[in-house]
């Protein structure tokens, strides 16, 4: 399967998109740049404000218009807050269960059939030759800002265990990262 990812919102979302792409590429799927033909278009949404929701919905609608035969898979904070899957979305996932989300994408692409898609310059690397890598060490939020619904969508603040974060940093260093930004 050839897939493409669009990330809206924060650095945590970028980290989660990279982790999702890592799962897909480890299974032999090929990542291409956003805007190129792909069998699955994965959109990591943001919902921190009404403007973020509007941008996320706009990205989904544009993807559906431009690539009507592609599987549109949406995850992230806006998806977490949805009570039902809209008709323009094929696969809906929240902010957890990355493996289950990938399996649903594979199933949806399989149901549509493996159509031939020409993708020049497809990329398999998750790190994608950046000198800066983003390492998620915290998820959720325990603040109660009046404008933000993230605590309700992602839950309270939770830290990544130190040993797990250290292994992640070591993996990025092996891949050539010269700078690691801790996100959450």
N, C-alpha and C. Protein backbone atom coordinates (compact mmCIF):
# COMPACT_ATOMS: atom_id res chain seq x y z
N UNK A 1 0.84 -1.17 0.00
CA UNK A 1 0.00 0.00 0.00
C UNK A 1 0.89 1.24 0.00
N UNK A 2 0.47 2.23 -0.72
CA UNK A 2 1.15 3.51 -0.74
C UNK A 2 0.30 4.47 0.10
N UNK A 3 0.93 5.14 1.05
CA UNK A 3 0.20 6.04 1.94
C UNK A 3 0.89 7.38 2.04
N UNK A 4 0.12 8.37 2.47
CA UNK A 4 0.61 9.72 2.65
C UNK A 4 0.03 10.25 3.95
N UNK A 5 0.77 11.12 4.63
CA UNK A 5 0.32 11.65 5.92
C UNK A 5 0.32 13.18 5.92
N UNK A 6 -0.68 13.75 6.53
CA UNK A 6 -0.76 15.19 6.78
C UNK A 6 -0.95 15.37 8.28
N UNK A 7 -0.13 16.23 8.87
CA UNK A 7 -0.21 16.48 10.30
C UNK A 7 -0.63 17.91 10.54
N UNK A 8 -1.66 18.09 11.33
CA UNK A 8 -2.13 19.41 11.74
C UNK A 8 -1.91 19.53 13.24
N UNK A 9 -1.57 20.72 13.70
CA UNK A 9 -1.46 20.93 15.14
C UNK A 9 -0.05 20.90 15.65
N UNK A 10 0.11 20.32 16.82
CA UNK A 10 1.31 20.44 17.63
C UNK A 10 2.42 19.45 17.27
N UNK A 11 3.54 19.60 17.95
CA UNK A 11 4.68 18.70 17.76
C UNK A 11 4.35 17.29 18.23
N UNK A 12 3.48 17.17 19.21
CA UNK A 12 3.05 15.84 19.64
C UNK A 12 2.38 15.12 18.48
N UNK A 13 1.53 15.83 17.74
CA UNK A 13 0.89 15.22 16.58
C UNK A 13 1.92 14.79 15.55
N UNK A 14 2.95 15.61 15.33
CA UNK A 14 4.00 15.24 14.37
C UNK A 14 4.69 13.97 14.82
N UNK A 15 4.98 13.86 16.11
CA UNK A 15 5.61 12.66 16.66
C UNK A 15 4.72 11.44 16.46
N UNK A 16 3.42 11.61 16.71
CA UNK A 16 2.49 10.49 16.55
C UNK A 16 2.34 10.09 15.08
N UNK A 17 2.37 11.06 14.17
CA UNK A 17 2.31 10.73 12.75
C UNK A 17 3.55 9.93 12.35
N UNK A 18 4.71 10.36 12.81
CA UNK A 18 5.95 9.63 12.50
C UNK A 18 5.90 8.20 13.04
N UNK A 19 5.36 8.03 14.24
CA UNK A 19 5.25 6.69 14.83
C UNK A 19 4.28 5.83 14.03
N UNK A 20 3.19 6.40 13.58
CA UNK A 20 2.22 5.68 12.76
C UNK A 20 2.86 5.28 11.43
N UNK A 21 3.60 6.20 10.83
CA UNK A 21 4.29 5.89 9.57
C UNK A 21 5.33 4.79 9.78
N UNK A 22 5.97 4.77 10.95
CA UNK A 22 6.95 3.72 11.24
C UNK A 22 6.28 2.35 11.28
N UNK A 23 5.10 2.28 11.87
CA UNK A 23 4.37 1.00 11.91
C UNK A 23 4.04 0.56 10.48
N UNK A 24 3.56 1.48 9.67
CA UNK A 24 3.18 1.15 8.29
C UNK A 24 4.39 0.72 7.46
N UNK A 25 5.49 1.47 7.55
CA UNK A 25 6.66 1.12 6.74
C UNK A 25 7.29 -0.19 7.22
N UNK A 26 7.22 -0.46 8.53
CA UNK A 26 7.74 -1.73 9.04
C UNK A 26 6.95 -2.91 8.47
N UNK A 27 5.72 -2.66 8.09
CA UNK A 27 4.88 -3.71 7.50
C UNK A 27 5.03 -3.76 5.98
N UNK A 28 5.95 -2.95 5.44
CA UNK A 28 6.22 -3.00 4.01
C UNK A 28 5.48 -1.99 3.15
N UNK A 29 4.71 -1.11 3.78
CA UNK A 29 3.99 -0.09 3.01
C UNK A 29 4.93 1.06 2.68
N UNK A 30 4.59 1.82 1.67
CA UNK A 30 5.47 2.88 1.17
C UNK A 30 4.84 4.24 1.42
N UNK A 31 5.63 5.13 2.06
CA UNK A 31 5.17 6.50 2.33
C UNK A 31 5.58 7.40 1.18
N UNK A 32 4.66 8.25 0.77
CA UNK A 32 4.94 9.26 -0.23
C UNK A 32 4.57 10.62 0.33
N UNK A 33 4.96 11.66 -0.37
CA UNK A 33 4.67 13.01 0.09
C UNK A 33 3.18 13.33 -0.04
N UNK A 34 2.70 14.16 0.86
CA UNK A 34 1.31 14.61 0.80
C UNK A 34 1.08 15.35 -0.51
N UNK A 35 -0.04 15.11 -1.14
CA UNK A 35 -0.35 15.74 -2.41
C UNK A 35 -0.05 14.87 -3.61
N UNK A 36 0.60 13.73 -3.37
CA UNK A 36 0.85 12.76 -4.44
C UNK A 36 -0.20 11.65 -4.34
N UNK A 37 -0.49 11.00 -5.45
CA UNK A 37 -1.47 9.90 -5.40
C UNK A 37 -1.04 8.82 -4.41
N UNK A 38 -2.01 8.34 -3.65
CA UNK A 38 -1.77 7.29 -2.67
C UNK A 38 -3.06 6.53 -2.46
N UNK A 39 -2.93 5.30 -1.98
CA UNK A 39 -4.11 4.49 -1.70
C UNK A 39 -4.75 4.87 -0.36
N UNK A 40 -3.94 5.37 0.57
CA UNK A 40 -4.46 5.80 1.87
C UNK A 40 -3.91 7.18 2.19
N UNK A 41 -4.80 8.09 2.54
CA UNK A 41 -4.43 9.43 2.98
C UNK A 41 -4.76 9.52 4.46
N UNK A 42 -3.72 9.72 5.27
CA UNK A 42 -3.87 9.72 6.72
C UNK A 42 -3.73 11.16 7.22
N UNK A 43 -4.75 11.63 7.92
CA UNK A 43 -4.75 13.00 8.41
C UNK A 43 -4.79 12.97 9.93
N UNK A 44 -3.75 13.53 10.56
CA UNK A 44 -3.68 13.65 12.01
C UNK A 44 -4.24 15.02 12.37
N UNK A 45 -5.39 15.04 13.02
CA UNK A 45 -6.14 16.27 13.24
C UNK A 45 -5.84 16.94 14.57
N UNK A 46 -6.21 18.22 14.62
CA UNK A 46 -6.06 19.03 15.82
C UNK A 46 -7.44 19.54 16.21
N UNK A 47 -7.63 19.75 17.51
CA UNK A 47 -8.93 20.23 17.99
C UNK A 47 -8.78 21.22 19.13
N UNK A 48 -7.63 21.87 19.22
CA UNK A 48 -7.39 22.74 20.36
C UNK A 48 -8.32 23.95 20.35
N UNK A 49 -8.75 24.43 19.18
CA UNK A 49 -9.68 25.56 19.07
C UNK A 49 -10.68 25.27 17.95
N UNK A 50 -11.69 26.11 17.84
CA UNK A 50 -12.67 25.98 16.75
C UNK A 50 -11.99 26.16 15.40
N UNK A 51 -10.99 27.02 15.32
CA UNK A 51 -10.25 27.22 14.07
C UNK A 51 -9.50 25.93 13.69
N UNK A 52 -8.91 25.28 14.69
CA UNK A 52 -8.22 24.01 14.44
C UNK A 52 -9.18 22.96 13.90
N UNK A 53 -10.36 22.87 14.51
CA UNK A 53 -11.38 21.94 14.02
C UNK A 53 -11.75 22.24 12.57
N UNK A 54 -11.93 23.51 12.27
CA UNK A 54 -12.30 23.91 10.90
C UNK A 54 -11.20 23.54 9.90
N UNK A 55 -9.95 23.77 10.26
CA UNK A 55 -8.84 23.41 9.38
C UNK A 55 -8.77 21.89 9.18
N UNK A 56 -9.01 21.15 10.25
CA UNK A 56 -8.99 19.69 10.15
C UNK A 56 -10.10 19.20 9.24
N UNK A 57 -11.31 19.71 9.43
CA UNK A 57 -12.43 19.32 8.56
C UNK A 57 -12.16 19.71 7.11
N UNK A 58 -11.57 20.89 6.91
CA UNK A 58 -11.23 21.35 5.56
C UNK A 58 -10.22 20.43 4.89
N UNK A 59 -9.22 19.97 5.63
CA UNK A 59 -8.22 19.06 5.07
C UNK A 59 -8.85 17.74 4.66
N UNK A 60 -9.78 17.24 5.48
CA UNK A 60 -10.47 15.99 5.15
C UNK A 60 -11.31 16.17 3.89
N UNK A 61 -12.08 17.24 3.83
CA UNK A 61 -12.93 17.50 2.66
C UNK A 61 -12.12 17.68 1.39
N UNK A 62 -11.00 18.39 1.48
CA UNK A 62 -10.15 18.60 0.30
C UNK A 62 -9.54 17.27 -0.16
N UNK A 63 -9.09 16.45 0.77
CA UNK A 63 -8.53 15.15 0.41
C UNK A 63 -9.57 14.30 -0.31
N UNK A 64 -10.80 14.30 0.20
CA UNK A 64 -11.87 13.51 -0.43
C UNK A 64 -12.18 14.03 -1.84
N UNK A 65 -12.21 15.35 -2.01
CA UNK A 65 -12.47 15.92 -3.35
C UNK A 65 -11.37 15.58 -4.33
N UNK A 66 -10.11 15.74 -3.90
CA UNK A 66 -8.98 15.57 -4.81
C UNK A 66 -8.65 14.10 -5.08
N UNK A 67 -8.93 13.23 -4.15
CA UNK A 67 -8.61 11.80 -4.29
C UNK A 67 -9.82 10.96 -3.88
N UNK A 68 -10.87 10.96 -4.70
CA UNK A 68 -12.12 10.30 -4.31
C UNK A 68 -11.99 8.79 -4.12
N UNK A 69 -11.00 8.15 -4.74
CA UNK A 69 -10.86 6.70 -4.62
C UNK A 69 -9.93 6.27 -3.48
N UNK A 70 -9.25 7.23 -2.86
CA UNK A 70 -8.32 6.90 -1.77
C UNK A 70 -9.10 6.63 -0.48
N UNK A 71 -8.50 5.84 0.38
CA UNK A 71 -9.03 5.64 1.73
C UNK A 71 -8.60 6.84 2.56
N UNK A 72 -9.57 7.53 3.15
CA UNK A 72 -9.29 8.68 4.00
C UNK A 72 -9.34 8.19 5.45
N UNK A 73 -8.19 8.24 6.12
CA UNK A 73 -8.08 7.78 7.51
C UNK A 73 -7.74 8.98 8.39
N UNK A 74 -8.55 9.20 9.41
CA UNK A 74 -8.40 10.39 10.25
C UNK A 74 -8.20 9.95 11.70
N UNK A 75 -7.18 10.54 12.33
CA UNK A 75 -6.94 10.28 13.75
C UNK A 75 -6.52 11.57 14.42
N UNK A 76 -6.20 11.51 15.68
CA UNK A 76 -5.81 12.71 16.41
C UNK A 76 -6.94 13.25 17.26
N UNK A 77 -6.74 14.45 17.75
CA UNK A 77 -7.66 15.02 18.73
C UNK A 77 -9.07 15.26 18.19
N UNK A 78 -9.20 15.80 16.98
CA UNK A 78 -10.54 16.02 16.45
C UNK A 78 -11.27 14.69 16.29
N UNK A 79 -10.55 13.69 15.79
CA UNK A 79 -11.15 12.37 15.61
C UNK A 79 -11.55 11.78 16.96
N UNK A 80 -10.75 12.00 17.99
CA UNK A 80 -11.05 11.50 19.33
C UNK A 80 -12.39 12.04 19.83
N UNK A 81 -12.71 13.28 19.48
CA UNK A 81 -13.93 13.91 19.95
C UNK A 81 -15.17 13.59 19.12
N UNK A 82 -15.02 12.91 17.98
CA UNK A 82 -16.17 12.60 17.13
C UNK A 82 -16.97 11.44 17.72
N UNK A 83 -18.27 11.59 17.72
CA UNK A 83 -19.12 10.52 18.23
C UNK A 83 -19.47 9.50 17.16
N UNK A 84 -19.44 9.94 15.90
CA UNK A 84 -19.76 9.04 14.78
C UNK A 84 -18.86 9.38 13.61
N UNK A 85 -18.64 8.40 12.74
CA UNK A 85 -17.77 8.59 11.57
C UNK A 85 -18.57 9.28 10.46
N UNK A 86 -18.12 10.47 10.02
CA UNK A 86 -18.78 11.14 8.90
C UNK A 86 -18.62 10.34 7.61
N UNK A 87 -19.50 10.54 6.64
CA UNK A 87 -19.44 9.74 5.41
C UNK A 87 -18.20 9.99 4.56
N UNK A 88 -17.52 11.14 4.73
CA UNK A 88 -16.34 11.42 3.91
C UNK A 88 -15.05 10.83 4.51
N UNK A 89 -15.18 10.11 5.63
CA UNK A 89 -14.04 9.48 6.30
C UNK A 89 -14.24 7.97 6.26
N UNK A 90 -13.21 7.24 5.82
CA UNK A 90 -13.30 5.78 5.75
C UNK A 90 -12.88 5.09 7.03
N UNK A 91 -11.83 5.62 7.68
CA UNK A 91 -11.31 5.03 8.92
C UNK A 91 -11.14 6.15 9.93
N UNK A 92 -11.70 5.96 11.11
CA UNK A 92 -11.64 6.98 12.16
C UNK A 92 -10.98 6.38 13.39
N UNK A 93 -9.94 7.04 13.88
CA UNK A 93 -9.25 6.59 15.07
C UNK A 93 -8.96 7.78 15.96
N UNK A 94 -8.83 7.56 17.23
CA UNK A 94 -8.56 8.65 18.16
C UNK A 94 -7.09 8.89 18.35
N UNK A 95 -6.67 8.98 19.60
CA UNK A 95 -5.27 9.28 19.90
C UNK A 95 -4.54 8.05 20.44
N UNK A 96 -5.18 6.91 20.43
CA UNK A 96 -4.55 5.68 20.93
C UNK A 96 -4.73 4.55 19.95
N UNK A 97 -4.30 3.36 20.31
CA UNK A 97 -4.43 2.13 19.53
C UNK A 97 -3.93 2.28 18.09
N UNK A 98 -2.66 2.64 17.98
CA UNK A 98 -2.02 2.83 16.68
C UNK A 98 -2.09 1.56 15.83
N UNK A 99 -1.85 0.40 16.45
CA UNK A 99 -1.86 -0.86 15.71
C UNK A 99 -3.24 -1.16 15.14
N UNK A 100 -4.26 -0.98 15.95
CA UNK A 100 -5.63 -1.20 15.48
C UNK A 100 -6.00 -0.26 14.35
N UNK A 101 -5.55 0.98 14.44
CA UNK A 101 -5.82 1.98 13.40
C UNK A 101 -5.16 1.55 12.09
N UNK A 102 -3.92 1.10 12.15
CA UNK A 102 -3.21 0.62 10.96
C UNK A 102 -3.94 -0.57 10.34
N UNK A 103 -4.39 -1.50 11.17
CA UNK A 103 -5.12 -2.67 10.66
C UNK A 103 -6.41 -2.25 9.96
N UNK A 104 -7.10 -1.25 10.49
CA UNK A 104 -8.33 -0.76 9.85
C UNK A 104 -8.02 -0.11 8.50
N UNK A 105 -6.92 0.61 8.42
CA UNK A 105 -6.52 1.22 7.14
C UNK A 105 -6.22 0.13 6.12
N UNK A 106 -5.45 -0.88 6.53
CA UNK A 106 -5.11 -1.98 5.63
C UNK A 106 -6.38 -2.69 5.15
N UNK A 107 -7.30 -2.91 6.05
CA UNK A 107 -8.56 -3.57 5.70
C UNK A 107 -9.35 -2.73 4.69
N UNK A 108 -9.43 -1.43 4.93
CA UNK A 108 -10.18 -0.54 4.03
C UNK A 108 -9.55 -0.49 2.64
N UNK A 109 -8.22 -0.42 2.58
CA UNK A 109 -7.53 -0.42 1.28
C UNK A 109 -7.77 -1.76 0.58
N UNK A 110 -7.70 -2.85 1.33
CA UNK A 110 -7.94 -4.17 0.76
C UNK A 110 -9.33 -4.31 0.18
N UNK A 111 -10.31 -3.72 0.83
CA UNK A 111 -11.69 -3.78 0.34
C UNK A 111 -11.85 -3.00 -0.96
N UNK A 112 -11.06 -1.95 -1.12
CA UNK A 112 -11.13 -1.15 -2.35
C UNK A 112 -10.34 -1.79 -3.48
N UNK A 113 -9.43 -2.68 -3.15
CA UNK A 113 -8.59 -3.31 -4.17
C UNK A 113 -7.28 -2.57 -4.30
N UNK A 114 -6.26 -3.30 -4.69
CA UNK A 114 -4.92 -2.73 -4.85
C UNK A 114 -4.79 -2.12 -6.24
N UNK A 115 -5.27 -0.90 -6.41
CA UNK A 115 -5.14 -0.25 -7.71
C UNK A 115 -3.72 0.24 -7.90
N UNK A 116 -3.30 0.29 -9.14
CA UNK A 116 -1.94 0.74 -9.45
C UNK A 116 -1.84 2.24 -9.21
N UNK A 117 -0.86 2.64 -8.44
CA UNK A 117 -0.63 4.05 -8.16
C UNK A 117 0.83 4.33 -8.44
N UNK A 118 1.10 5.27 -9.32
CA UNK A 118 2.47 5.65 -9.62
C UNK A 118 2.89 6.76 -8.68
N UNK A 119 3.92 6.50 -7.89
CA UNK A 119 4.37 7.48 -6.92
C UNK A 119 5.88 7.66 -7.05
N UNK A 120 6.29 8.63 -7.87
CA UNK A 120 7.72 8.88 -7.96
C UNK A 120 8.23 9.50 -6.67
N UNK A 121 9.38 9.08 -6.27
CA UNK A 121 9.99 9.66 -5.08
C UNK A 121 9.37 9.21 -3.77
N UNK A 122 8.75 8.04 -3.73
CA UNK A 122 8.17 7.53 -2.49
C UNK A 122 9.25 7.37 -1.44
N UNK A 123 8.87 7.53 -0.18
CA UNK A 123 9.85 7.47 0.90
C UNK A 123 9.46 6.38 1.88
N UNK A 124 10.44 5.64 2.33
CA UNK A 124 10.20 4.64 3.36
C UNK A 124 10.70 5.10 4.72
N UNK A 125 11.63 6.03 4.74
CA UNK A 125 12.24 6.42 6.00
C UNK A 125 11.28 7.23 6.86
N UNK A 126 11.14 6.84 8.10
CA UNK A 126 10.28 7.57 9.02
C UNK A 126 10.96 8.86 9.44
N UNK A 127 12.23 8.76 9.74
CA UNK A 127 12.98 9.93 10.20
C UNK A 127 13.07 10.97 9.09
N UNK A 128 13.09 10.55 7.86
CA UNK A 128 13.02 11.39 6.67
C UNK A 128 14.13 12.44 6.61
N UNK A 129 15.32 12.08 7.04
CA UNK A 129 16.52 12.90 6.88
C UNK A 129 16.42 14.26 7.54
N UNK A 130 15.65 14.40 8.60
CA UNK A 130 15.62 15.66 9.34
C UNK A 130 16.79 15.66 10.30
N UNK A 131 17.32 16.84 10.59
CA UNK A 131 18.37 16.91 11.60
C UNK A 131 17.76 17.01 12.99
N UNK A 132 16.49 17.40 13.08
CA UNK A 132 15.80 17.52 14.36
C UNK A 132 14.71 16.46 14.44
N UNK A 133 14.71 15.71 15.52
CA UNK A 133 13.69 14.69 15.76
C UNK A 133 12.85 15.09 16.96
N UNK A 134 11.58 14.70 16.95
CA UNK A 134 10.67 15.01 18.05
C UNK A 134 10.36 13.74 18.82
N UNK A 135 10.65 13.75 20.10
CA UNK A 135 10.44 12.59 20.97
C UNK A 135 9.34 12.91 21.97
N UNK A 136 8.23 12.19 21.87
CA UNK A 136 7.10 12.42 22.77
C UNK A 136 7.38 11.76 24.11
N UNK A 137 7.42 12.59 25.17
CA UNK A 137 7.68 12.07 26.51
C UNK A 137 6.50 12.29 27.45
N UNK A 138 5.45 12.93 26.95
CA UNK A 138 4.29 13.21 27.78
C UNK A 138 3.07 13.27 26.89
N UNK A 139 1.94 12.81 27.39
CA UNK A 139 0.68 12.89 26.65
C UNK A 139 -0.38 13.40 27.60
N UNK A 140 -1.42 14.00 27.05
CA UNK A 140 -2.50 14.53 27.86
C UNK A 140 -2.12 15.86 28.48
N UNK A 141 -3.05 16.39 29.27
CA UNK A 141 -2.81 17.68 29.92
C UNK A 141 -3.70 17.77 31.15
N UNK A 142 -3.15 18.31 32.23
CA UNK A 142 -3.92 18.45 33.47
C UNK A 142 -4.36 19.88 33.71
N UNK A 143 -4.05 20.78 32.78
CA UNK A 143 -4.49 22.17 32.91
C UNK A 143 -5.94 22.27 32.47
N UNK A 144 -6.58 23.35 32.81
CA UNK A 144 -7.99 23.55 32.45
C UNK A 144 -8.16 24.91 31.78
N UNK A 145 -7.43 25.13 30.68
CA UNK A 145 -7.54 26.40 29.96
C UNK A 145 -8.96 26.52 29.39
N UNK A 146 -9.53 27.69 29.48
CA UNK A 146 -10.92 27.90 29.06
C UNK A 146 -11.14 27.60 27.58
N UNK A 147 -10.15 27.83 26.73
CA UNK A 147 -10.32 27.67 25.29
C UNK A 147 -9.99 26.27 24.78
N UNK A 148 -9.46 25.40 25.62
CA UNK A 148 -8.87 24.16 25.15
C UNK A 148 -9.65 22.93 25.63
N UNK A 149 -9.87 21.99 24.71
CA UNK A 149 -10.59 20.76 25.07
C UNK A 149 -9.66 19.55 25.13
N UNK A 150 -8.37 19.76 25.01
CA UNK A 150 -7.41 18.66 24.97
C UNK A 150 -7.47 17.77 26.22
N UNK A 151 -7.58 18.31 27.45
CA UNK A 151 -7.68 17.40 28.60
C UNK A 151 -8.88 16.46 28.49
N UNK A 152 -9.95 16.92 27.90
CA UNK A 152 -11.11 16.07 27.73
C UNK A 152 -10.92 15.03 26.64
N UNK A 153 -10.07 15.31 25.66
CA UNK A 153 -9.85 14.39 24.55
C UNK A 153 -8.71 13.41 24.82
N UNK A 154 -7.62 13.91 25.39
CA UNK A 154 -6.43 13.07 25.61
C UNK A 154 -6.29 12.60 27.05
N UNK A 155 -7.08 13.15 27.94
CA UNK A 155 -6.99 12.76 29.35
C UNK A 155 -5.94 13.56 30.09
N UNK A 156 -5.72 13.18 31.34
CA UNK A 156 -4.75 13.87 32.18
C UNK A 156 -3.32 13.60 31.73
N UNK A 157 -2.41 14.38 32.26
CA UNK A 157 -1.00 14.30 31.91
C UNK A 157 -0.40 12.95 32.33
N UNK A 158 0.30 12.31 31.38
CA UNK A 158 0.99 11.04 31.63
C UNK A 158 2.38 11.11 31.00
N UNK A 159 3.38 10.72 31.75
CA UNK A 159 4.76 10.75 31.27
C UNK A 159 5.18 9.40 30.72
N UNK A 160 6.05 9.43 29.69
CA UNK A 160 6.66 8.22 29.16
C UNK A 160 7.72 7.75 30.17
N UNK A 161 7.78 6.46 30.48
CA UNK A 161 8.83 5.98 31.39
C UNK A 161 10.22 6.36 30.87
N UNK A 162 11.11 6.69 31.80
CA UNK A 162 12.44 7.18 31.44
C UNK A 162 13.18 6.22 30.50
N UNK A 163 13.18 4.92 30.80
CA UNK A 163 13.92 3.95 29.98
C UNK A 163 13.38 3.92 28.55
N UNK A 164 12.07 4.01 28.40
CA UNK A 164 11.46 4.02 27.07
C UNK A 164 11.85 5.29 26.30
N UNK A 165 11.85 6.44 26.98
CA UNK A 165 12.25 7.70 26.35
C UNK A 165 13.74 7.64 25.94
N UNK A 166 14.57 7.07 26.80
CA UNK A 166 16.00 6.95 26.48
C UNK A 166 16.21 6.07 25.26
N UNK A 167 15.47 4.96 25.16
CA UNK A 167 15.58 4.09 23.97
C UNK A 167 15.16 4.83 22.71
N UNK A 168 14.12 5.64 22.81
CA UNK A 168 13.67 6.43 21.67
C UNK A 168 14.73 7.43 21.23
N UNK A 169 15.36 8.09 22.19
CA UNK A 169 16.42 9.05 21.87
C UNK A 169 17.61 8.35 21.22
N UNK A 170 17.97 7.18 21.73
CA UNK A 170 19.07 6.42 21.15
C UNK A 170 18.76 6.00 19.72
N UNK A 171 17.51 5.62 19.45
CA UNK A 171 17.12 5.22 18.09
C UNK A 171 17.23 6.41 17.14
N UNK A 172 16.78 7.59 17.57
CA UNK A 172 16.91 8.78 16.72
C UNK A 172 18.37 9.11 16.47
N UNK A 173 19.22 8.97 17.49
CA UNK A 173 20.65 9.26 17.32
C UNK A 173 21.27 8.30 16.30
N UNK A 174 20.89 7.03 16.34
CA UNK A 174 21.40 6.05 15.36
C UNK A 174 20.96 6.41 13.94
N UNK A 175 19.78 7.04 13.82
CA UNK A 175 19.26 7.41 12.51
C UNK A 175 19.84 8.73 12.01
N UNK A 176 20.69 9.37 12.82
CA UNK A 176 21.37 10.58 12.37
C UNK A 176 20.84 11.88 12.92
N UNK A 177 19.93 11.84 13.87
CA UNK A 177 19.41 13.08 14.45
C UNK A 177 20.53 13.82 15.17
N UNK A 178 20.63 15.10 14.91
CA UNK A 178 21.63 15.91 15.59
C UNK A 178 21.02 16.70 16.75
N UNK A 179 19.69 16.75 16.76
CA UNK A 179 18.97 17.44 17.81
C UNK A 179 17.68 16.66 18.10
N UNK A 180 17.37 16.49 19.37
CA UNK A 180 16.14 15.81 19.77
C UNK A 180 15.33 16.76 20.64
N UNK A 181 14.11 17.05 20.19
CA UNK A 181 13.22 17.94 20.92
C UNK A 181 12.23 17.09 21.69
N UNK A 182 12.15 17.29 23.00
CA UNK A 182 11.20 16.56 23.83
C UNK A 182 9.84 17.24 23.72
N UNK A 183 8.81 16.47 23.39
CA UNK A 183 7.48 17.05 23.20
C UNK A 183 6.48 16.40 24.12
N UNK A 184 5.36 17.05 24.26
CA UNK A 184 4.26 16.53 25.05
C UNK A 184 3.15 17.55 25.12
